[in-house]
Amino acid sequence: MTKRREVNAKLIRKINVSWLRYFSYSREKIEKIVEELVEKGEITKKDAQKMVSDMVKKGQEQKKELGKIIRDEITKSIDYMNIARKQDLVTKEEIRDIVREELNKALK
């Protein structure tokens, strides 16, 4: 397995499918599920709102954590592939300054 494939496989392992399902649920879907639990008598109405808030909060935290993992893995892949980043590129202003400096040197 190449290093790149190894990195991608590692990324895929880190993206737990259950996470994706969990935080893809909207607050409304979570409320509906919790409401069904209340109707079935599995939880009290008093606990329902706290459960919804906790689930939404946990989903947001996991989404944030997953975003960080993805960003880190993309950064590692870019580093491995040795691709230039925005900060590695020379701007037009920098090119003008370099040309101006070289012209000044040549004219002296």
PDB file of N, CA and C in Angstrom:
ATOM      1  N   MET A   1       0.849  -1.173   0.000  1.00  0.00           N
ATOM      2  CA  MET A   1       0.000   0.000   0.000  1.00  0.00           C
ATOM      3  C   MET A   1       0.897   1.240   0.000  1.00  0.00           C
ATOM      4  N   THR A   2       0.607   2.176  -0.907  1.00  0.00           N
ATOM      5  CA  THR A   2       1.407   3.401  -0.952  1.00  0.00           C
ATOM      6  C   THR A   2       1.096   4.261   0.263  1.00  0.00           C
ATOM      7  N   LYS A   3       2.003   5.189   0.520  1.00  0.00           N
ATOM      8  CA  LYS A   3       1.829   6.080   1.673  1.00  0.00           C
ATOM      9  C   LYS A   3       0.524   6.875   1.548  1.00  0.00           C
ATOM     10  N   ARG A   4       0.236   7.362   0.329  1.00  0.00           N
ATOM     11  CA  ARG A   4      -0.988   8.148   0.119  1.00  0.00           C
ATOM     12  C   ARG A   4      -2.227   7.309   0.410  1.00  0.00           C
ATOM     13  N   ARG A   5      -2.245   6.094  -0.104  1.00  0.00           N
ATOM     14  CA  ARG A   5      -3.402   5.231   0.149  1.00  0.00           C
ATOM     15  C   ARG A   5      -3.528   4.913   1.632  1.00  0.00           C
ATOM     16  N   GLU A   6      -2.388   4.755   2.247  1.00  0.00           N
ATOM     17  CA  GLU A   6      -2.389   4.484   3.688  1.00  0.00           C
ATOM     18  C   GLU A   6      -3.006   5.664   4.444  1.00  0.00           C
ATOM     19  N   VAL A   7      -2.636   6.871   4.031  1.00  0.00           N
ATOM     20  CA  VAL A   7      -3.180   8.074   4.669  1.00  0.00           C
ATOM     21  C   VAL A   7      -4.687   8.149   4.440  1.00  0.00           C
ATOM     22  N   ASN A   8      -5.112   7.888   3.190  1.00  0.00           N
ATOM     23  CA  ASN A   8      -6.551   7.929   2.887  1.00  0.00           C
ATOM     24  C   ASN A   8      -7.314   6.863   3.660  1.00  0.00           C
ATOM     25  N   ALA A   9      -6.755   5.675   3.757  1.00  0.00           N
ATOM     26  CA  ALA A   9      -7.411   4.604   4.507  1.00  0.00           C
ATOM     27  C   ALA A   9      -7.555   4.984   5.977  1.00  0.00           C
ATOM     28  N   LYS A  10      -6.512   5.631   6.486  1.00  0.00           N
ATOM     29  CA  LYS A  10      -6.546   6.081   7.883  1.00  0.00           C
ATOM     30  C   LYS A  10      -7.656   7.115   8.071  1.00  0.00           C
ATOM     31  N   LEU A  11      -7.780   8.006   7.102  1.00  0.00           N
ATOM     32  CA  LEU A  11      -8.825   9.036   7.168  1.00  0.00           C
ATOM     33  C   LEU A  11     -10.203   8.391   7.165  1.00  0.00           C
ATOM     34  N   ILE A  12     -10.391   7.444   6.284  1.00  0.00           N
ATOM     35  CA  ILE A  12     -11.694   6.790   6.197  1.00  0.00           C
ATOM     36  C   ILE A  12     -12.022   6.069   7.496  1.00  0.00           C
ATOM     37  N   ARG A  13     -11.019   5.433   8.098  1.00  0.00           N
ATOM     38  CA  ARG A  13     -11.266   4.760   9.377  1.00  0.00           C
ATOM     39  C   ARG A  13     -11.698   5.753  10.434  1.00  0.00           C
ATOM     40  N   LYS A  14     -11.069   6.933  10.383  1.00  0.00           N
ATOM     41  CA  LYS A  14     -11.385   7.936  11.396  1.00  0.00           C
ATOM     42  C   LYS A  14     -12.798   8.491  11.232  1.00  0.00           C
ATOM     43  N   ILE A  15     -13.282   8.489  10.019  1.00  0.00           N
ATOM     44  CA  ILE A  15     -14.640   8.989   9.788  1.00  0.00           C
ATOM     45  C   ILE A  15     -15.596   7.836  10.085  1.00  0.00           C
ATOM     46  N   ASN A  16     -16.003   7.804  11.295  1.00  0.00           N
ATOM     47  CA  ASN A  16     -16.912   6.742  11.719  1.00  0.00           C
ATOM     48  C   ASN A  16     -18.292   6.998  11.122  1.00  0.00           C
ATOM     49  N   VAL A  17     -18.806   5.997  10.448  1.00  0.00           N
ATOM     50  CA  VAL A  17     -20.090   6.158   9.776  1.00  0.00           C
ATOM     51  C   VAL A  17     -21.194   6.554  10.750  1.00  0.00           C
ATOM     52  N   SER A  18     -21.107   6.046  11.947  1.00  0.00           N
ATOM     53  CA  SER A  18     -22.148   6.404  12.910  1.00  0.00           C
ATOM     54  C   SER A  18     -22.105   7.892  13.242  1.00  0.00           C
ATOM     55  N   TRP A  19     -20.906   8.456  13.238  1.00  0.00           N
ATOM     56  CA  TRP A  19     -20.787   9.901  13.463  1.00  0.00           C
ATOM     57  C   TRP A  19     -21.563  10.651  12.389  1.00  0.00           C
ATOM     58  N   LEU A  20     -21.328  10.241  11.152  1.00  0.00           N
ATOM     59  CA  LEU A  20     -21.981  10.943  10.045  1.00  0.00           C
ATOM     60  C   LEU A  20     -23.498  10.856  10.174  1.00  0.00           C
ATOM     61  N   ARG A  21     -23.976   9.686  10.498  1.00  0.00           N
ATOM     62  CA  ARG A  21     -25.426   9.530  10.674  1.00  0.00           C
ATOM     63  C   ARG A  21     -25.903  10.381  11.835  1.00  0.00           C
ATOM     64  N   TYR A  22     -25.129  10.363  12.917  1.00  0.00           N
ATOM     65  CA  TYR A  22     -25.547  11.055  14.128  1.00  0.00           C
ATOM     66  C   TYR A  22     -25.670  12.551  13.897  1.00  0.00           C
ATOM     67  N   PHE A  23     -24.622  13.207  13.385  1.00  0.00           N
ATOM     68  CA  PHE A  23     -24.728  14.644  13.275  1.00  0.00           C
ATOM     69  C   PHE A  23     -25.365  15.102  11.975  1.00  0.00           C
ATOM     70  N   SER A  24     -25.764  14.153  11.137  1.00  0.00           N
ATOM     71  CA  SER A  24     -26.548  14.564   9.973  1.00  0.00           C
ATOM     72  C   SER A  24     -28.008  14.758  10.373  1.00  0.00           C
ATOM     73  N   TYR A  25     -28.350  14.268  11.573  1.00  0.00           N
ATOM     74  CA  TYR A  25     -29.703  14.489  12.063  1.00  0.00           C
ATOM     75  C   TYR A  25     -29.877  15.952  12.431  1.00  0.00           C
ATOM     76  N   SER A  26     -30.941  16.512  11.977  1.00  0.00           N
ATOM     77  CA  SER A  26     -31.245  17.889  12.356  1.00  0.00           C
ATOM     78  C   SER A  26     -31.878  17.886  13.744  1.00  0.00           C
ATOM     79  N   ARG A  27     -31.937  19.055  14.321  1.00  0.00           N
ATOM     80  CA  ARG A  27     -32.568  19.185  15.629  1.00  0.00           C
ATOM     81  C   ARG A  27     -34.008  18.669  15.577  1.00  0.00           C
ATOM     82  N   GLU A  28     -34.695  18.954  14.475  1.00  0.00           N
ATOM     83  CA  GLU A  28     -36.092  18.510  14.329  1.00  0.00           C
ATOM     84  C   GLU A  28     -36.202  16.986  14.330  1.00  0.00           C
ATOM     85  N   LYS A  29     -35.265  16.329  13.635  1.00  0.00           N
ATOM     86  CA  LYS A  29     -35.298  14.861  13.609  1.00  0.00           C
ATOM     87  C   LYS A  29     -35.051  14.302  15.011  1.00  0.00           C
ATOM     88  N   ILE A  30     -34.091  14.903  15.707  1.00  0.00           N
ATOM     89  CA  ILE A  30     -33.777  14.442  17.057  1.00  0.00           C
ATOM     90  C   ILE A  30     -34.991  14.649  17.960  1.00  0.00           C
ATOM     91  N   GLU A  31     -35.624  15.813  17.833  1.00  0.00           N
ATOM     92  CA  GLU A  31     -36.817  16.078  18.658  1.00  0.00           C
ATOM     93  C   GLU A  31     -37.916  15.061  18.361  1.00  0.00           C
ATOM     94  N   LYS A  32     -38.065  14.706  17.101  1.00  0.00           N
ATOM     95  CA  LYS A  32     -39.092  13.730  16.730  1.00  0.00           C
ATOM     96  C   LYS A  32     -38.794  12.363  17.359  1.00  0.00           C
ATOM     97  N   ILE A  33     -37.544  11.968  17.292  1.00  0.00           N
ATOM     98  CA  ILE A  33     -37.157  10.670  17.870  1.00  0.00           C
ATOM     99  C   ILE A  33     -37.386  10.678  19.383  1.00  0.00           C
ATOM    100  N   VAL A  34     -36.987  11.765  20.030  1.00  0.00           N
ATOM    101  CA  VAL A  34     -37.146  11.863  21.486  1.00  0.00           C
ATOM    102  C   VAL A  34     -38.636  11.910  21.845  1.00  0.00           C
ATOM    103  N   GLU A  35     -39.414  12.614  21.027  1.00  0.00           N
ATOM    104  CA  GLU A  35     -40.860  12.680  21.259  1.00  0.00           C
ATOM    105  C   GLU A  35     -41.481  11.278  21.206  1.00  0.00           C
ATOM    106  N   GLU A  36     -41.006  10.477  20.264  1.00  0.00           N
ATOM    107  CA  GLU A  36     -41.498   9.091  20.161  1.00  0.00           C
ATOM    108  C   GLU A  36     -41.128   8.294  21.422  1.00  0.00           C
ATOM    109  N   LEU A  37     -39.931   8.565  21.957  1.00  0.00           N
ATOM    110  CA  LEU A  37     -39.509   7.880  23.185  1.00  0.00           C
ATOM    111  C   LEU A  37     -40.406   8.287  24.357  1.00  0.00           C
ATOM    112  N   VAL A  38     -40.812   9.566  24.368  1.00  0.00           N
ATOM    113  CA  VAL A  38     -41.710  10.054  25.422  1.00  0.00           C
ATOM    114  C   VAL A  38     -43.067   9.365  25.292  1.00  0.00           C
ATOM    115  N   GLU A  39     -43.569   9.299  24.049  1.00  0.00           N
ATOM    116  CA  GLU A  39     -44.868   8.654  23.807  1.00  0.00           C
ATOM    117  C   GLU A  39     -44.859   7.185  24.214  1.00  0.00           C
ATOM    118  N   LYS A  40     -43.716   6.534  24.009  1.00  0.00           N
ATOM    119  CA  LYS A  40     -43.599   5.112  24.379  1.00  0.00           C
ATOM    120  C   LYS A  40     -43.379   4.945  25.882  1.00  0.00           C
ATOM    121  N   GLY A  41     -43.124   6.060  26.551  1.00  0.00           N
ATOM    122  CA  GLY A  41     -42.905   6.006  27.990  1.00  0.00           C
ATOM    123  C   GLY A  41     -41.496   5.586  28.381  1.00  0.00           C
ATOM    124  N   GLU A  42     -40.589   5.643  27.417  1.00  0.00           N
ATOM    125  CA  GLU A  42     -39.216   5.222  27.698  1.00  0.00           C
ATOM    126  C   GLU A  42     -38.419   6.321  28.406  1.00  0.00           C
ATOM    127  N   ILE A  43     -38.825   7.579  28.213  1.00  0.00           N
ATOM    128  CA  ILE A  43     -38.227   8.686  28.959  1.00  0.00           C
ATOM    129  C   ILE A  43     -39.347   9.643  29.351  1.00  0.00           C
ATOM    130  N   THR A  44     -39.056  10.457  30.372  1.00  0.00           N
ATOM    131  CA  THR A  44     -40.080  11.418  30.801  1.00  0.00           C
ATOM    132  C   THR A  44     -39.996  12.667  29.924  1.00  0.00           C
ATOM    133  N   LYS A  45     -41.103  13.407  29.886  1.00  0.00           N
ATOM    134  CA  LYS A  45     -41.134  14.628  29.105  1.00  0.00           C
ATOM    135  C   LYS A  45     -40.114  15.627  29.646  1.00  0.00           C
ATOM    136  N   LYS A  46     -39.932  15.582  30.973  1.00  0.00           N
ATOM    137  CA  LYS A  46     -38.980  16.477  31.626  1.00  0.00           C
ATOM    138  C   LYS A  46     -37.556  16.233  31.121  1.00  0.00           C
ATOM    139  N   ASP A  47     -37.219  14.961  30.929  1.00  0.00           N
ATOM    140  CA  ASP A  47     -35.868  14.608  30.467  1.00  0.00           C
ATOM    141  C   ASP A  47     -35.698  14.791  28.958  1.00  0.00           C
ATOM    142  N   ALA A  48     -36.812  14.875  28.231  1.00  0.00           N
ATOM    143  CA  ALA A  48     -36.752  14.927  26.773  1.00  0.00           C
ATOM    144  C   ALA A  48     -35.983  16.145  26.265  1.00  0.00           C
ATOM    145  N   GLN A  49     -36.314  17.331  26.795  1.00  0.00           N
ATOM    146  CA  GLN A  49     -35.651  18.545  26.312  1.00  0.00           C
ATOM    147  C   GLN A  49     -34.151  18.515  26.589  1.00  0.00           C
ATOM    148  N   LYS A  50     -33.791  18.018  27.795  1.00  0.00           N
ATOM    149  CA  LYS A  50     -32.363  17.916  28.123  1.00  0.00           C
ATOM    150  C   LYS A  50     -31.678  16.936  27.173  1.00  0.00           C
ATOM    151  N   MET A  51     -32.375  15.829  26.870  1.00  0.00           N
ATOM    152  CA  MET A  51     -31.796  14.830  25.967  1.00  0.00           C
ATOM    153  C   MET A  51     -31.562  15.431  24.577  1.00  0.00           C
ATOM    154  N   VAL A  52     -32.545  16.199  24.087  1.00  0.00           N
ATOM    155  CA  VAL A  52     -32.399  16.828  22.770  1.00  0.00           C
ATOM    156  C   VAL A  52     -31.209  17.781  22.792  1.00  0.00           C
ATOM    157  N   SER A  53     -31.149  18.626  23.822  1.00  0.00           N
ATOM    158  CA  SER A  53     -30.045  19.589  23.915  1.00  0.00           C
ATOM    159  C   SER A  53     -28.698  18.884  23.977  1.00  0.00           C
ATOM    160  N   ASP A  54     -28.630  17.833  24.793  1.00  0.00           N
ATOM    161  CA  ASP A  54     -27.372  17.084  24.917  1.00  0.00           C
ATOM    162  C   ASP A  54     -26.963  16.449  23.588  1.00  0.00           C
ATOM    163  N   MET A  55     -27.939  15.861  22.885  1.00  0.00           N
ATOM    164  CA  MET A  55     -27.632  15.197  21.614  1.00  0.00           C
ATOM    165  C   MET A  55     -27.187  16.209  20.558  1.00  0.00           C
ATOM    166  N   VAL A  56     -27.863  17.341  20.505  1.00  0.00           N
ATOM    167  CA  VAL A  56     -27.483  18.376  19.536  1.00  0.00           C
ATOM    168  C   VAL A  56     -26.087  18.898  19.862  1.00  0.00           C
ATOM    169  N   LYS A  57     -25.840  19.164  21.145  1.00  0.00           N
ATOM    170  CA  LYS A  57     -24.529  19.668  21.570  1.00  0.00           C
ATOM    171  C   LYS A  57     -23.430  18.655  21.246  1.00  0.00           C
ATOM    172  N   LYS A  58     -23.692  17.386  21.556  1.00  0.00           N
ATOM    173  CA  LYS A  58     -22.701  16.347  21.280  1.00  0.00           C
ATOM    174  C   LYS A  58     -22.451  16.213  19.774  1.00  0.00           C
ATOM    175  N   GLY A  59     -23.526  16.322  18.989  1.00  0.00           N
ATOM    176  CA  GLY A  59     -23.385  16.257  17.539  1.00  0.00           C
ATOM    177  C   GLY A  59     -22.531  17.396  17.007  1.00  0.00           C
ATOM    178  N   GLN A  60     -22.736  18.601  17.556  1.00  0.00           N
ATOM    179  CA  GLN A  60     -21.937  19.755  17.133  1.00  0.00           C
ATOM    180  C   GLN A  60     -20.472  19.571  17.509  1.00  0.00           C
ATOM    181  N   GLU A  61     -20.231  19.033  18.700  1.00  0.00           N
ATOM    182  CA  GLU A  61     -18.854  18.793  19.131  1.00  0.00           C
ATOM    183  C   GLU A  61     -18.175  17.760  18.232  1.00  0.00           C
ATOM    184  N   GLN A  62     -18.910  16.693  17.919  1.00  0.00           N
ATOM    185  CA  GLN A  62     -18.339  15.648  17.079  1.00  0.00           C
ATOM    186  C   GLN A  62     -18.097  16.155  15.658  1.00  0.00           C
ATOM    187  N   LYS A  63     -19.015  16.999  15.182  1.00  0.00           N
ATOM    188  CA  LYS A  63     -18.848  17.575  13.848  1.00  0.00           C
ATOM    189  C   LYS A  63     -17.579  18.434  13.809  1.00  0.00           C
ATOM    190  N   LYS A  64     -17.385  19.206  14.868  1.00  0.00           N
ATOM    191  CA  LYS A  64     -16.196  20.055  14.971  1.00  0.00           C
ATOM    192  C   LYS A  64     -14.926  19.193  15.011  1.00  0.00           C
ATOM    193  N   GLU A  65     -14.980  18.132  15.808  1.00  0.00           N
ATOM    194  CA  GLU A  65     -13.832  17.232  15.942  1.00  0.00           C
ATOM    195  C   GLU A  65     -13.527  16.548  14.611  1.00  0.00           C
ATOM    196  N   LEU A  66     -14.578  16.105  13.921  1.00  0.00           N
ATOM    197  CA  LEU A  66     -14.388  15.455  12.629  1.00  0.00           C
ATOM    198  C   LEU A  66     -13.791  16.429  11.620  1.00  0.00           C
ATOM    199  N   GLY A  67     -14.265  17.676  11.646  1.00  0.00           N
ATOM    200  CA  GLY A  67     -13.708  18.694  10.760  1.00  0.00           C
ATOM    201  C   GLY A  67     -12.222  18.867  10.983  1.00  0.00           C
ATOM    202  N   LYS A  68     -11.809  18.860  12.255  1.00  0.00           N
ATOM    203  CA  LYS A  68     -10.388  18.997  12.586  1.00  0.00           C
ATOM    204  C   LYS A  68      -9.594  17.794  12.061  1.00  0.00           C
ATOM    205  N   ILE A  69     -10.148  16.600  12.252  1.00  0.00           N
ATOM    206  CA  ILE A  69      -9.466  15.391  11.769  1.00  0.00           C
ATOM    207  C   ILE A  69      -9.303  15.457  10.255  1.00  0.00           C
ATOM    208  N   ILE A  70     -10.366  15.865   9.555  1.00  0.00           N
ATOM    209  CA  ILE A  70     -10.301  15.944   8.088  1.00  0.00           C
ATOM    210  C   ILE A  70      -9.269  16.988   7.661  1.00  0.00           C
ATOM    211  N   ARG A  71      -9.303  18.170   8.302  1.00  0.00           N
ATOM    212  CA  ARG A  71      -8.326  19.215   7.956  1.00  0.00           C
ATOM    213  C   ARG A  71      -6.897  18.721   8.181  1.00  0.00           C
ATOM    214  N   ASP A  72      -6.672  18.062   9.328  1.00  0.00           N
ATOM    215  CA  ASP A  72      -5.332  17.552   9.631  1.00  0.00           C
ATOM    216  C   ASP A  72      -4.875  16.523   8.593  1.00  0.00           C
ATOM    217  N   GLU A  73      -5.782  15.630   8.209  1.00  0.00           N
ATOM    218  CA  GLU A  73      -5.418  14.594   7.231  1.00  0.00           C
ATOM    219  C   GLU A  73      -5.172  15.202   5.858  1.00  0.00           C
ATOM    220  N   ILE A  74      -5.964  16.204   5.478  1.00  0.00           N
ATOM    221  CA  ILE A  74      -5.741  16.873   4.191  1.00  0.00           C
ATOM    222  C   ILE A  74      -4.392  17.582   4.212  1.00  0.00           C
ATOM    223  N   THR A  75      -4.082  18.234   5.328  1.00  0.00           N
ATOM    224  CA  THR A  75      -2.786  18.913   5.456  1.00  0.00           C
ATOM    225  C   THR A  75      -1.653  17.904   5.330  1.00  0.00           C
ATOM    226  N   LYS A  76      -1.793  16.764   5.992  1.00  0.00           N
ATOM    227  CA  LYS A  76      -0.754  15.725   5.905  1.00  0.00           C
ATOM    228  C   LYS A  76      -0.611  15.231   4.466  1.00  0.00           C
ATOM    229  N   SER A  77      -1.748  15.048   3.774  1.00  0.00           N
ATOM    230  CA  SER A  77      -1.698  14.581   2.381  1.00  0.00           C
ATOM    231  C   SER A  77      -1.027  15.610   1.487  1.00  0.00           C
ATOM    232  N   ILE A  78      -1.362  16.901   1.685  1.00  0.00           N
ATOM    233  CA  ILE A  78      -0.742  17.966   0.882  1.00  0.00           C
ATOM    234  C   ILE A  78       0.757  18.015   1.164  1.00  0.00           C
ATOM    235  N   ASP A  79       1.125  17.890   2.439  1.00  0.00           N
ATOM    236  CA  ASP A  79       2.550  17.876   2.783  1.00  0.00           C
ATOM    237  C   ASP A  79       3.248  16.697   2.117  1.00  0.00           C
ATOM    238  N   TYR A  80       2.608  15.538   2.158  1.00  0.00           N
ATOM    239  CA  TYR A  80       3.202  14.345   1.576  1.00  0.00           C
ATOM    240  C   TYR A  80       3.370  14.498   0.062  1.00  0.00           C
ATOM    241  N   MET A  81       2.374  15.111  -0.603  1.00  0.00           N
ATOM    242  CA  MET A  81       2.421  15.270  -2.060  1.00  0.00           C
ATOM    243  C   MET A  81       3.298  16.450  -2.463  1.00  0.00           C
ATOM    244  N   ASN A  82       3.749  17.220  -1.467  1.00  0.00           N
ATOM    245  CA  ASN A  82       4.632  18.359  -1.718  1.00  0.00           C
ATOM    246  C   ASN A  82       3.982  19.390  -2.650  1.00  0.00           C
ATOM    247  N   ILE A  83       2.721  19.686  -2.420  1.00  0.00           N
ATOM    248  CA  ILE A  83       1.971  20.670  -3.210  1.00  0.00           C
ATOM    249  C   ILE A  83       2.167  22.045  -2.570  1.00  0.00           C
ATOM    250  N   ALA A  84       2.376  23.051  -3.417  1.00  0.00           N
ATOM    251  CA  ALA A  84       2.547  24.417  -2.915  1.00  0.00           C
ATOM    252  C   ALA A  84       1.229  24.921  -2.331  1.00  0.00           C
ATOM    253  N   ARG A  85       1.358  25.624  -1.216  1.00  0.00           N
ATOM    254  CA  ARG A  85       0.186  26.227  -0.585  1.00  0.00           C
ATOM    255  C   ARG A  85       0.138  27.701  -0.943  1.00  0.00           C
ATOM    256  N   LYS A  86      -0.965  28.334  -0.624  1.00  0.00           N
ATOM    257  CA  LYS A  86      -1.140  29.746  -0.940  1.00  0.00           C
ATOM    258  C   LYS A  86       0.018  30.572  -0.385  1.00  0.00           C
ATOM    259  N   GLN A  87       0.403  30.292   0.862  1.00  0.00           N
ATOM    260  CA  GLN A  87       1.481  31.064   1.473  1.00  0.00           C
ATOM    261  C   GLN A  87       2.836  30.788   0.825  1.00  0.00           C
ATOM    262  N   ASP A  88       2.934  29.687   0.057  1.00  0.00           N
ATOM    263  CA  ASP A  88       4.185  29.368  -0.623  1.00  0.00           C
ATOM    264  C   ASP A  88       4.328  30.118  -1.950  1.00  0.00           C
ATOM    265  N   LEU A  89       3.229  30.651  -2.453  1.00  0.00           N
ATOM    266  CA  LEU A  89       3.253  31.304  -3.757  1.00  0.00           C
ATOM    267  C   LEU A  89       3.682  32.759  -3.622  1.00  0.00           C
ATOM    268  N   VAL A  90       4.335  33.244  -4.650  1.00  0.00           N
ATOM    269  CA  VAL A  90       4.797  34.629  -4.664  1.00  0.00           C
ATOM    270  C   VAL A  90       3.676  35.489  -5.236  1.00  0.00           C
ATOM    271  N   THR A  91       3.375  36.596  -4.562  1.00  0.00           N
ATOM    272  CA  THR A  91       2.301  37.482  -5.034  1.00  0.00           C
ATOM    273  C   THR A  91       2.830  38.395  -6.141  1.00  0.00           C
ATOM    274  N   LYS A  92       1.883  39.032  -6.840  1.00  0.00           N
ATOM    275  CA  LYS A  92       2.267  39.973  -7.901  1.00  0.00           C
ATOM    276  C   LYS A  92       3.118  41.093  -7.329  1.00  0.00           C
ATOM    277  N   GLU A  93       2.748  41.564  -6.148  1.00  0.00           N
ATOM    278  CA  GLU A  93       3.506  42.645  -5.526  1.00  0.00           C
ATOM    279  C   GLU A  93       4.937  42.206  -5.221  1.00  0.00           C
ATOM    280  N   GLU A  94       5.091  40.986  -4.756  1.00  0.00           N
ATOM    281  CA  GLU A  94       6.428  40.472  -4.464  1.00  0.00           C
ATOM    282  C   GLU A  94       7.246  40.334  -5.747  1.00  0.00           C
ATOM    283  N   ILE A  95       6.587  39.909  -6.820  1.00  0.00           N
ATOM    284  CA  ILE A  95       7.289  39.789  -8.114  1.00  0.00           C
ATOM    285  C   ILE A  95       7.730  41.174  -8.580  1.00  0.00           C
ATOM    286  N   ARG A  96       6.810  42.156  -8.456  1.00  0.00           N
ATOM    287  CA  ARG A  96       7.175  43.529  -8.852  1.00  0.00           C
ATOM    288  C   ARG A  96       8.367  44.027  -8.039  1.00  0.00           C
ATOM    289  N   ASP A  97       8.346  43.764  -6.728  1.00  0.00           N
ATOM    290  CA  ASP A  97       9.452  44.202  -5.874  1.00  0.00           C
ATOM    291  C   ASP A  97      10.765  43.546  -6.290  1.00  0.00           C
ATOM    292  N   ILE A  98      10.700  42.258  -6.599  1.00  0.00           N
ATOM    293  CA  ILE A  98      11.912  41.532  -7.015  1.00  0.00           C
ATOM    294  C   ILE A  98      12.431  42.097  -8.333  1.00  0.00           C
ATOM    295  N   VAL A  99      11.529  42.300  -9.298  1.00  0.00           N
ATOM    296  CA  VAL A  99      11.934  42.844 -10.601  1.00  0.00           C
ATOM    297  C   VAL A  99      12.518  44.243 -10.418  1.00  0.00           C
ATOM    298  N   ARG A 100      11.835  45.079  -9.617  1.00  0.00           N
ATOM    299  CA  ARG A 100      12.309  46.434  -9.359  1.00  0.00           C
ATOM    300  C   ARG A 100      13.713  46.404  -8.733  1.00  0.00           C
ATOM    301  N   GLU A 101      13.896  45.535  -7.753  1.00  0.00           N
ATOM    302  CA  GLU A 101      15.185  45.413  -7.078  1.00  0.00           C
ATOM    303  C   GLU A 101      16.280  44.954  -8.051  1.00  0.00           C
ATOM    304  N   GLU A 102      15.951  43.968  -8.889  1.00  0.00           N
ATOM    305  CA  GLU A 102      16.931  43.463  -9.860  1.00  0.00           C
ATOM    306  C   GLU A 102      17.263  44.526 -10.899  1.00  0.00           C
ATOM    307  N   LEU A 103      16.247  45.296 -11.327  1.00  0.00           N
ATOM    308  CA  LEU A 103      16.492  46.385 -12.285  1.00  0.00           C
ATOM    309  C   LEU A 103      17.390  47.450 -11.676  1.00  0.00           C
ATOM    310  N   ASN A 104      17.113  47.791 -10.412  1.00  0.00           N
ATOM    311  CA  ASN A 104      17.952  48.778  -9.726  1.00  0.00           C
ATOM    312  C   ASN A 104      19.397  48.297  -9.618  1.00  0.00           C
ATOM    313  N   LYS A 105      19.586  47.041  -9.348  1.00  0.00           N
ATOM    314  CA  LYS A 105      20.942  46.474  -9.259  1.00  0.00           C
ATOM    315  C   LYS A 105      21.630  46.536 -10.626  1.00  0.00           C
ATOM    316  N   ALA A 106      20.858  46.188 -11.673  1.00  0.00           N
ATOM    317  CA  ALA A 106      21.427  46.165 -13.021  1.00  0.00           C
ATOM    318  C   ALA A 106      21.765  47.566 -13.511  1.00  0.00           C
ATOM    319  N   LEU A 107      21.017  48.576 -13.091  1.00  0.00           N
ATOM    320  CA  LEU A 107      21.240  49.948 -13.552  1.00  0.00           C
ATOM    321  C   LEU A 107      22.354  50.668 -12.794  1.00  0.00           C
ATOM    322  N   LYS A 108      22.797  50.101 -11.683  1.00  0.00           N
ATOM    323  CA  LYS A 108      23.864  50.750 -10.904  1.00  0.00           C
ATOM    324  C   LYS A 108      25.206  50.520 -11.520  1.00  0.00           C
TER     325      LYS A 108
END
